[in-house]
Amino acid sequence: MLVTNLAILVLAGFVGYAVISKVPNTLHTPLMSGTNAIHGIVVLGGIILLVNGLADGALNKLLLVIAVAFGTINVVGGFLVTDRMLEMFKAKPKADAGDDA
C-alpha cells in the first residue's frame, strides 16, 4: 500500500511538472492566482474536520492546523496577486495640458 501511494505521488509530480512546463509565461500568473484561491477548499475541509472532531490524535490535529494555516496564506496571497494583476489594467489618469503654463 505504501509503495503504491509513493508511486502515485511520484507519477503525479512528473505529470504536474510536464503540464506546468508547457504553460506560457503570460498565463502563469493568472493560473496561479486562480489555483491559490482553490485552496479555500483545503481551508474549509480542514476547519470542518477540526470542528466536528473527526481528526483523531494530536498529530492529525496538528497537521490539520498547519494545513489550514498554509491554505489561508495561499488564499490571501492568491487574492493579493490577482488584485495587483488587475491594477495593471486600470486606466492611468491623464495629465491636463493647461497645467504647464
N, C-alpha and C. Protein backbone atom coordinates (compact mmCIF):
# COMPACT_ATOMS: atom_id res chain seq x y z
N MET A 1 0.82 -1.19 0.00
CA MET A 1 0.00 0.00 0.00
C MET A 1 0.87 1.26 0.00
N LEU A 2 1.91 1.27 0.84
CA LEU A 2 2.79 2.43 0.92
C LEU A 2 3.53 2.63 -0.40
N VAL A 3 3.99 1.54 -0.99
CA VAL A 3 4.73 1.63 -2.26
C VAL A 3 3.81 2.16 -3.37
N THR A 4 2.57 1.71 -3.37
CA THR A 4 1.61 2.20 -4.37
C THR A 4 1.36 3.69 -4.19
N ASN A 5 1.15 4.13 -2.96
CA ASN A 5 0.92 5.55 -2.70
C ASN A 5 2.14 6.40 -3.09
N LEU A 6 3.34 5.91 -2.79
CA LEU A 6 4.54 6.65 -3.18
C LEU A 6 4.70 6.70 -4.69
N ALA A 7 4.39 5.61 -5.37
CA ALA A 7 4.47 5.59 -6.83
C ALA A 7 3.49 6.58 -7.44
N ILE A 8 2.27 6.64 -6.90
CA ILE A 8 1.28 7.60 -7.40
C ILE A 8 1.75 9.03 -7.16
N LEU A 9 2.34 9.28 -5.99
CA LEU A 9 2.86 10.61 -5.68
C LEU A 9 3.95 11.03 -6.66
N VAL A 10 4.89 10.13 -6.93
CA VAL A 10 5.99 10.44 -7.85
C VAL A 10 5.46 10.66 -9.27
N LEU A 11 4.55 9.80 -9.72
CA LEU A 11 3.99 9.96 -11.06
C LEU A 11 3.18 11.25 -11.17
N ALA A 12 2.44 11.60 -10.13
CA ALA A 12 1.69 12.86 -10.14
C ALA A 12 2.64 14.05 -10.21
N GLY A 13 3.78 13.96 -9.54
CA GLY A 13 4.79 15.01 -9.62
C GLY A 13 5.32 15.18 -11.03
N PHE A 14 5.62 14.07 -11.71
CA PHE A 14 6.11 14.14 -13.09
C PHE A 14 5.05 14.70 -14.04
N VAL A 15 3.82 14.25 -13.88
CA VAL A 15 2.74 14.75 -14.74
C VAL A 15 2.51 16.24 -14.48
N GLY A 16 2.52 16.65 -13.20
CA GLY A 16 2.35 18.07 -12.88
C GLY A 16 3.45 18.92 -13.47
N TYR A 17 4.68 18.45 -13.38
CA TYR A 17 5.80 19.20 -13.96
C TYR A 17 5.66 19.31 -15.47
N ALA A 18 5.26 18.21 -16.13
CA ALA A 18 5.10 18.22 -17.58
C ALA A 18 3.99 19.20 -18.01
N VAL A 19 2.91 19.24 -17.25
CA VAL A 19 1.81 20.14 -17.60
C VAL A 19 2.20 21.59 -17.36
N ILE A 20 2.79 21.89 -16.21
CA ILE A 20 3.14 23.27 -15.86
C ILE A 20 4.24 23.81 -16.78
N SER A 21 5.16 22.96 -17.22
CA SER A 21 6.26 23.45 -18.06
C SER A 21 5.77 23.90 -19.44
N LYS A 22 4.58 23.46 -19.83
CA LYS A 22 4.04 23.85 -21.13
C LYS A 22 3.17 25.11 -21.07
N VAL A 23 2.97 25.67 -19.89
CA VAL A 23 2.17 26.89 -19.74
C VAL A 23 3.04 28.10 -20.10
N PRO A 24 2.57 28.95 -21.03
CA PRO A 24 3.37 30.14 -21.37
C PRO A 24 3.47 31.11 -20.19
N ASN A 25 4.51 31.92 -20.20
CA ASN A 25 4.75 32.86 -19.10
C ASN A 25 3.60 33.85 -18.92
N THR A 26 2.94 34.23 -20.00
CA THR A 26 1.86 35.21 -19.89
C THR A 26 0.64 34.64 -19.16
N LEU A 27 0.50 33.33 -19.15
CA LEU A 27 -0.65 32.72 -18.46
C LEU A 27 -0.31 32.22 -17.07
N HIS A 28 0.95 32.23 -16.70
CA HIS A 28 1.34 31.62 -15.43
C HIS A 28 0.72 32.32 -14.23
N THR A 29 0.81 33.65 -14.18
CA THR A 29 0.29 34.38 -13.02
C THR A 29 -1.22 34.25 -12.87
N PRO A 30 -2.01 34.41 -13.94
CA PRO A 30 -3.46 34.24 -13.77
C PRO A 30 -3.85 32.84 -13.33
N LEU A 31 -3.18 31.84 -13.87
CA LEU A 31 -3.50 30.46 -13.47
C LEU A 31 -3.12 30.20 -12.02
N MET A 32 -1.97 30.73 -11.59
CA MET A 32 -1.54 30.51 -10.22
C MET A 32 -2.44 31.24 -9.23
N SER A 33 -2.90 32.43 -9.57
CA SER A 33 -3.78 33.13 -8.64
C SER A 33 -5.11 32.40 -8.52
N GLY A 34 -5.57 31.80 -9.61
CA GLY A 34 -6.80 31.00 -9.54
C GLY A 34 -6.63 29.74 -8.73
N THR A 35 -5.52 29.04 -8.92
CA THR A 35 -5.30 27.81 -8.15
C THR A 35 -5.05 28.10 -6.68
N ASN A 36 -4.45 29.25 -6.38
CA ASN A 36 -4.28 29.61 -4.97
C ASN A 36 -5.63 29.83 -4.30
N ALA A 37 -6.57 30.41 -5.04
CA ALA A 37 -7.89 30.64 -4.48
C ALA A 37 -8.62 29.32 -4.23
N ILE A 38 -8.30 28.29 -5.00
CA ILE A 38 -8.92 26.99 -4.81
C ILE A 38 -8.52 26.39 -3.46
N HIS A 39 -7.44 26.86 -2.87
CA HIS A 39 -7.04 26.35 -1.56
C HIS A 39 -8.07 26.67 -0.49
N GLY A 40 -9.04 27.49 -0.82
CA GLY A 40 -10.16 27.71 0.09
C GLY A 40 -10.86 26.41 0.43
N ILE A 41 -10.84 25.45 -0.49
CA ILE A 41 -11.43 24.13 -0.24
C ILE A 41 -10.64 23.41 0.85
N VAL A 42 -9.31 23.54 0.81
CA VAL A 42 -8.46 22.93 1.84
C VAL A 42 -8.78 23.55 3.20
N VAL A 43 -8.90 24.88 3.21
CA VAL A 43 -9.20 25.57 4.47
C VAL A 43 -10.55 25.13 5.01
N LEU A 44 -11.55 25.12 4.16
CA LEU A 44 -12.89 24.73 4.59
C LEU A 44 -12.93 23.27 5.07
N GLY A 45 -12.30 22.39 4.32
CA GLY A 45 -12.25 20.97 4.72
C GLY A 45 -11.54 20.77 6.05
N GLY A 46 -10.43 21.46 6.24
CA GLY A 46 -9.69 21.35 7.49
C GLY A 46 -10.48 21.87 8.67
N ILE A 47 -11.18 22.99 8.46
CA ILE A 47 -11.99 23.55 9.55
C ILE A 47 -13.14 22.61 9.89
N ILE A 48 -13.77 22.04 8.88
CA ILE A 48 -14.88 21.10 9.13
C ILE A 48 -14.38 19.89 9.92
N LEU A 49 -13.23 19.36 9.54
CA LEU A 49 -12.68 18.21 10.27
C LEU A 49 -12.34 18.56 11.71
N LEU A 50 -11.78 19.74 11.91
CA LEU A 50 -11.42 20.14 13.27
C LEU A 50 -12.65 20.40 14.13
N VAL A 51 -13.66 21.07 13.57
CA VAL A 51 -14.84 21.42 14.36
C VAL A 51 -15.66 20.18 14.71
N ASN A 52 -15.80 19.27 13.77
CA ASN A 52 -16.61 18.07 14.00
C ASN A 52 -15.88 17.00 14.80
N GLY A 53 -14.62 17.22 15.11
CA GLY A 53 -13.86 16.26 15.90
C GLY A 53 -13.55 14.98 15.16
N LEU A 54 -13.44 15.04 13.84
CA LEU A 54 -13.16 13.84 13.05
C LEU A 54 -11.68 13.51 12.98
N ALA A 55 -10.83 14.40 13.47
CA ALA A 55 -9.40 14.15 13.49
C ALA A 55 -9.03 13.49 14.81
N ASP A 56 -8.55 12.26 14.73
CA ASP A 56 -8.15 11.53 15.93
C ASP A 56 -6.66 11.72 16.18
N GLY A 57 -6.31 12.01 17.40
CA GLY A 57 -4.90 12.12 17.78
C GLY A 57 -4.36 13.53 17.62
N ALA A 58 -3.34 13.79 18.40
CA ALA A 58 -2.73 15.12 18.41
C ALA A 58 -1.99 15.41 17.11
N LEU A 59 -1.35 14.41 16.51
CA LEU A 59 -0.60 14.62 15.27
C LEU A 59 -1.53 15.01 14.14
N ASN A 60 -2.68 14.34 14.03
CA ASN A 60 -3.65 14.67 12.98
C ASN A 60 -4.18 16.09 13.16
N LYS A 61 -4.46 16.46 14.40
CA LYS A 61 -4.97 17.82 14.65
C LYS A 61 -3.90 18.86 14.33
N LEU A 62 -2.65 18.57 14.68
CA LEU A 62 -1.56 19.49 14.37
C LEU A 62 -1.40 19.65 12.86
N LEU A 63 -1.44 18.55 12.13
CA LEU A 63 -1.32 18.61 10.67
C LEU A 63 -2.49 19.38 10.04
N LEU A 64 -3.67 19.22 10.61
CA LEU A 64 -4.83 19.97 10.10
C LEU A 64 -4.69 21.46 10.36
N VAL A 65 -4.19 21.82 11.53
CA VAL A 65 -3.98 23.24 11.83
C VAL A 65 -2.94 23.83 10.88
N ILE A 66 -1.89 23.08 10.62
CA ILE A 66 -0.86 23.55 9.68
C ILE A 66 -1.44 23.68 8.27
N ALA A 67 -2.26 22.70 7.85
CA ALA A 67 -2.89 22.76 6.52
C ALA A 67 -3.82 23.96 6.41
N VAL A 68 -4.59 24.23 7.46
CA VAL A 68 -5.49 25.38 7.43
C VAL A 68 -4.68 26.68 7.39
N ALA A 69 -3.61 26.76 8.14
CA ALA A 69 -2.78 27.97 8.15
C ALA A 69 -2.15 28.21 6.78
N PHE A 70 -1.53 27.18 6.21
CA PHE A 70 -0.90 27.34 4.90
C PHE A 70 -1.93 27.59 3.81
N GLY A 71 -3.07 26.93 3.89
CA GLY A 71 -4.14 27.18 2.92
C GLY A 71 -4.64 28.61 2.99
N THR A 72 -4.77 29.14 4.20
CA THR A 72 -5.21 30.52 4.37
C THR A 72 -4.19 31.49 3.78
N ILE A 73 -2.92 31.23 4.03
CA ILE A 73 -1.86 32.07 3.47
C ILE A 73 -1.91 32.04 1.95
N ASN A 74 -2.15 30.87 1.39
CA ASN A 74 -2.21 30.72 -0.07
C ASN A 74 -3.42 31.44 -0.65
N VAL A 75 -4.56 31.35 0.02
CA VAL A 75 -5.76 32.03 -0.46
C VAL A 75 -5.55 33.55 -0.45
N VAL A 76 -5.06 34.07 0.66
CA VAL A 76 -4.84 35.51 0.76
C VAL A 76 -3.80 35.96 -0.27
N GLY A 77 -2.74 35.20 -0.41
CA GLY A 77 -1.72 35.53 -1.42
C GLY A 77 -2.27 35.51 -2.83
N GLY A 78 -3.12 34.53 -3.11
CA GLY A 78 -3.72 34.46 -4.44
C GLY A 78 -4.59 35.66 -4.75
N PHE A 79 -5.37 36.09 -3.76
CA PHE A 79 -6.20 37.27 -3.98
C PHE A 79 -5.37 38.53 -4.09
N LEU A 80 -4.27 38.63 -3.34
CA LEU A 80 -3.40 39.81 -3.45
C LEU A 80 -2.73 39.88 -4.82
N VAL A 81 -2.28 38.72 -5.31
CA VAL A 81 -1.66 38.69 -6.64
C VAL A 81 -2.68 39.06 -7.70
N THR A 82 -3.91 38.54 -7.57
CA THR A 82 -4.95 38.86 -8.54
C THR A 82 -5.28 40.35 -8.51
N ASP A 83 -5.37 40.92 -7.32
CA ASP A 83 -5.66 42.35 -7.21
C ASP A 83 -4.55 43.18 -7.83
N ARG A 84 -3.32 42.81 -7.57
CA ARG A 84 -2.19 43.54 -8.15
C ARG A 84 -2.17 43.40 -9.67
N MET A 85 -2.53 42.22 -10.15
CA MET A 85 -2.56 41.99 -11.59
C MET A 85 -3.66 42.83 -12.25
N LEU A 86 -4.81 42.93 -11.60
CA LEU A 86 -5.91 43.71 -12.16
C LEU A 86 -5.62 45.21 -12.13
N GLU A 87 -4.79 45.66 -11.18
CA GLU A 87 -4.39 47.07 -11.12
C GLU A 87 -3.63 47.48 -12.38
N MET A 88 -2.94 46.55 -13.01
CA MET A 88 -2.17 46.88 -14.20
C MET A 88 -3.07 47.24 -15.38
N PHE A 89 -4.32 46.79 -15.35
CA PHE A 89 -5.22 47.03 -16.47
C PHE A 89 -6.10 48.26 -16.29
N LYS A 90 -6.00 48.92 -15.17
CA LYS A 90 -6.79 50.13 -14.95
C LYS A 90 -6.18 51.28 -15.74
N ALA A 91 -7.06 52.19 -16.21
CA ALA A 91 -6.60 53.33 -16.99
C ALA A 91 -5.85 54.31 -16.09
N LYS A 92 -4.76 54.83 -16.60
CA LYS A 92 -3.96 55.80 -15.86
C LYS A 92 -4.62 57.18 -16.01
N PRO A 93 -4.62 58.00 -14.95
CA PRO A 93 -5.19 59.35 -15.08
C PRO A 93 -4.32 60.19 -16.02
N LYS A 94 -5.00 60.92 -16.91
CA LYS A 94 -4.28 61.74 -17.87
C LYS A 94 -3.97 63.11 -17.26
N ALA A 95 -2.77 63.61 -17.54
CA ALA A 95 -2.36 64.93 -17.06
C ALA A 95 -2.99 66.00 -17.93
N ASP A 96 -3.44 67.11 -17.32
CA ASP A 96 -4.04 68.20 -18.09
C ASP A 96 -2.95 68.98 -18.80
N ALA A 97 -3.23 69.35 -20.06
CA ALA A 97 -2.24 70.10 -20.87
C ALA A 97 -2.16 71.56 -20.42
N GLY A 98 -3.21 72.12 -19.79
CA GLY A 98 -3.24 73.52 -19.39
C GLY A 98 -2.46 73.80 -18.11
N ASP A 99 -1.95 72.77 -17.43
CA ASP A 99 -1.22 72.97 -16.17
C ASP A 99 0.23 73.35 -16.38
N ASP A 100 0.73 73.32 -17.63
CA ASP A 100 2.14 73.59 -17.89
C ASP A 100 2.45 75.08 -17.90
N ALA A 101 1.48 75.98 -17.95
CA ALA A 101 1.71 77.42 -18.11
C ALA A 101 2.26 78.06 -16.93
